[in-house]
Amino acid sequence: MPHIPEIIMKTIHKTITLTDKQDDWIKAQIDAGYYTDDSDYIRDLIRREQERCAETEVIRTALIEGENSGESQPFDVSAFKKRMRAVQG
């Protein structure tokens, strides 16, 4: 079996300040089994935010592309349905 190199990511220790309510929330998520510890929870929040930002950027790019594509053309619903029926048989 070929050797697959392990990816080692450098970790950095951070100190953050939370309210009691925020800390209680994180502890509840850990107690419920969703996360192993505080760091796991925070890393998941960051991953989700990164994904959300990436999705937002895809939408933003599509909107800009649409705006730059020129004037819109009239859309004939009847003709569209007719073409779709012809394609689908």
Protein backbone atom coordinates (compact mmCIF):
# COMPACT_ATOMS: atom_id res chain seq x y z
CA MET A 1 0.00 0.00 0.00
CA PRO A 2 1.47 3.43 -0.94
CA HIS A 3 2.43 5.79 1.87
CA ILE A 4 0.19 8.84 2.08
CA PRO A 5 2.00 11.78 3.67
CA GLU A 6 0.27 13.25 6.70
CA ILE A 7 -0.58 16.92 6.47
CA ILE A 8 0.66 18.70 9.56
CA MET A 9 -0.89 22.06 10.22
CA LYS A 10 0.79 24.52 12.52
CA THR A 11 -1.42 25.47 15.42
CA ILE A 12 -1.42 28.77 17.23
CA HIS A 13 -2.61 29.25 20.78
CA LYS A 14 -5.12 32.12 21.21
CA THR A 15 -6.76 33.54 24.29
CA ILE A 16 -10.32 34.79 23.89
CA THR A 17 -12.78 36.41 26.26
CA LEU A 18 -16.39 35.24 26.43
CA THR A 19 -19.41 36.19 28.46
CA ASP A 20 -20.74 33.65 30.94
CA LYS A 21 -23.70 33.05 28.64
CA GLN A 22 -21.43 32.35 25.66
CA ASP A 23 -19.27 30.01 27.74
CA ASP A 24 -22.37 28.17 28.96
CA TRP A 25 -23.53 27.77 25.37
CA ILE A 26 -20.21 26.25 24.28
CA LYS A 27 -20.21 23.91 27.29
CA ALA A 28 -23.75 22.80 26.43
CA GLN A 29 -22.69 22.02 22.85
CA ILE A 30 -19.78 19.96 24.17
CA ASP A 31 -21.96 18.19 26.75
CA ALA A 32 -24.45 17.34 23.97
CA GLY A 33 -21.63 15.60 22.12
CA TYR A 34 -21.43 17.99 19.18
CA TYR A 35 -17.84 19.00 19.93
CA THR A 36 -14.93 17.55 21.86
CA ASP A 37 -13.78 20.80 23.42
CA ASP A 38 -13.90 24.60 23.19
CA SER A 39 -11.29 24.71 20.42
CA ASP A 40 -13.23 22.22 18.32
CA TYR A 41 -16.32 24.42 18.61
CA ILE A 42 -14.47 27.63 17.70
CA ARG A 43 -12.72 25.97 14.73
CA ASP A 44 -16.12 24.76 13.46
CA LEU A 45 -17.52 28.29 13.70
CA ILE A 46 -14.58 29.58 11.68
CA ARG A 47 -14.96 26.83 9.04
CA ARG A 48 -18.68 27.61 8.69
CA GLU A 49 -17.98 31.33 8.32
CA GLN A 50 -15.32 30.60 5.69
CA GLU A 51 -17.82 28.46 3.75
CA ARG A 52 -20.52 31.14 4.07
CA CYS A 53 -18.14 33.81 2.78
CA ALA A 54 -17.11 31.60 -0.15
CA GLU A 55 -20.78 30.99 -1.05
CA THR A 56 -21.51 34.71 -0.79
CA GLU A 57 -18.58 35.46 -3.10
CA VAL A 58 -19.89 32.99 -5.71
CA ILE A 59 -23.29 34.73 -5.63
CA ARG A 60 -21.69 38.18 -5.76
CA THR A 61 -19.59 37.17 -8.77
CA ALA A 62 -22.66 35.77 -10.57
CA LEU A 63 -24.60 38.97 -9.91
CA ILE A 64 -21.78 41.14 -11.24
CA GLU A 65 -21.48 38.88 -14.29
CA GLY A 66 -25.22 39.22 -14.87
CA GLU A 67 -25.10 43.00 -14.52
CA ASN A 68 -22.23 43.18 -16.99
CA SER A 69 -23.89 40.89 -19.54
CA GLY A 70 -25.94 43.67 -21.07
CA GLU A 71 -29.56 44.61 -21.28
CA SER A 72 -32.11 41.94 -20.49
CA GLN A 73 -34.19 40.49 -23.30
CA PRO A 74 -37.94 39.88 -23.17
CA PHE A 75 -38.82 36.36 -22.05
CA ASP A 76 -41.58 34.52 -23.88
CA VAL A 77 -42.95 31.94 -21.41
CA SER A 78 -45.09 30.21 -24.03
CA ALA A 79 -42.17 29.78 -26.42
CA PHE A 80 -39.99 28.49 -23.58
CA LYS A 81 -42.58 25.90 -22.54
CA LYS A 82 -42.99 24.83 -26.17
CA ARG A 83 -39.21 24.33 -26.54
CA MET A 84 -39.09 22.34 -23.29
CA ARG A 85 -41.93 20.08 -24.38
CA ALA A 86 -40.15 19.45 -27.69
CA VAL A 87 -36.91 18.57 -25.93
CA GLN A 88 -38.56 16.28 -23.39
CA GLY A 89 -40.79 14.60 -25.93
